[in-house]
Structure formats: C-alpha cells, structure tokens
C-alpha cells in the first residue's frame, strides 16, 4: 500500500508499517513496527534523515529506523 509522506495528507485507515520508501529510492526500515491511525500524517525530514509522524491528536513521534537506498530499475533498457 502506498502511503502519503508529504506531511499534509492524513492516513486514511489503520495500518501497520515496518518500512517507508520514497520514489527516489531512499527508505527507512523501522526498528519496531508502527501502527498509524486514521488522521495521522507522515513526512520525511530530509535534512536530518528522520521519519516524523504527526498524530491526529497533534502529538509528534519520530520512530527509530535505519536509512538506506534501494536500487532502481535499469533505465537504459526499454
């Protein structure tokens, strides 16, 4: 399931996640699984390489995880 990570769009339903990826290949593999509730918002803080969750009640959480880069498709092939 693709989840919005723009920090603005609320999560539509309860989900459990163990990693987040961005379209540019960066990902964060969480130390522990995380439950996101409806209304939570997620964003990547690229300057600090942090994942930030703003809870629907206004609380802020920065779950621990490991950052990395996943290899993409070979774009030279058509």
Protein backbone atom coordinates (compact mmCIF):
# COMPACT_ATOMS: atom_id res chain seq x y z
CA UNK A 1 0.00 0.00 0.00
CA UNK A 2 1.33 3.41 -0.89
CA UNK A 3 1.04 5.88 1.97
CA UNK A 4 1.35 9.63 1.57
CA UNK A 5 4.53 11.00 3.14
CA UNK A 6 4.04 14.67 2.38
CA UNK A 7 3.24 15.62 5.99
CA UNK A 8 -0.12 17.07 4.93
CA UNK A 9 -2.29 14.20 3.69
CA UNK A 10 -3.86 12.20 6.54
CA UNK A 11 -3.57 8.40 6.61
CA UNK A 12 -6.99 7.06 5.52
CA UNK A 13 -7.21 3.96 7.74
CA UNK A 14 -5.41 1.99 10.44
CA UNK A 15 -2.23 0.41 9.04
CA UNK A 16 0.83 -1.30 10.43
CA UNK A 17 4.12 -0.47 8.71
CA UNK A 18 7.69 -1.64 9.12
CA UNK A 19 9.35 0.45 6.44
CA UNK A 20 8.77 3.55 4.36
CA UNK A 21 10.17 4.25 0.91
CA UNK A 22 10.33 7.31 -1.28
CA UNK A 23 10.07 7.43 -5.05
CA UNK A 24 13.74 8.45 -5.33
CA UNK A 25 14.90 5.17 -3.76
CA UNK A 26 15.51 6.22 -0.16
CA UNK A 27 13.86 4.12 2.52
CA UNK A 28 13.63 3.88 6.28
CA UNK A 29 13.37 0.41 7.82
CA UNK A 30 11.82 0.84 11.26
CA UNK A 31 13.35 -0.79 14.33
CA UNK A 32 9.85 -1.80 15.52
CA UNK A 33 6.59 -1.98 13.55
CA UNK A 34 4.45 1.12 13.83
CA UNK A 35 0.67 1.45 13.85
CA UNK A 36 -0.66 4.52 12.05
CA UNK A 37 -4.20 5.61 12.89
CA UNK A 38 -6.64 7.41 10.61
CA UNK A 39 -5.72 11.09 10.55
CA UNK A 40 -2.01 10.59 11.27
CA UNK A 41 0.36 12.39 8.87
CA UNK A 42 3.84 11.19 7.87
CA UNK A 43 6.80 13.10 6.43
CA UNK A 44 10.49 12.61 5.82
CA UNK A 45 12.81 15.25 7.24
CA UNK A 46 15.50 15.04 4.57
CA UNK A 47 17.94 17.37 6.34
CA UNK A 48 18.06 15.20 9.46
CA UNK A 49 17.13 11.93 7.73
CA UNK A 50 14.26 11.42 10.17
CA UNK A 51 10.82 9.98 9.74
CA UNK A 52 8.27 12.20 11.53
CA UNK A 53 4.71 11.15 12.38
CA UNK A 54 2.20 13.78 13.45
CA UNK A 55 -0.61 12.03 15.27
CA UNK A 56 -4.23 13.05 14.71
CA UNK A 57 -4.27 14.46 18.28
CA UNK A 58 -1.25 16.70 17.50
CA UNK A 59 1.43 14.57 19.15
CA UNK A 60 4.70 14.12 17.27
CA UNK A 61 6.64 10.86 17.03
CA UNK A 62 9.98 10.15 15.36
CA UNK A 63 10.31 6.35 15.23
CA UNK A 64 13.80 4.81 15.18
CA UNK A 65 14.96 3.18 12.00
CA UNK A 66 17.76 2.58 9.55
CA UNK A 67 18.04 4.61 6.34
CA UNK A 68 19.26 3.24 3.06
CA UNK A 69 18.90 3.36 -0.71
CA UNK A 70 17.24 0.69 -2.79
CA UNK A 71 18.46 0.10 -6.31
CA UNK A 72 16.02 1.08 -9.02
CA UNK A 73 15.31 -0.39 -12.39
CA UNK A 74 17.95 -0.15 -15.10
CA UNK A 75 16.61 2.85 -17.01
CA UNK A 76 18.81 2.13 -20.03
CA UNK A 77 16.57 -0.81 -21.01
CA UNK A 78 13.39 -0.15 -22.92
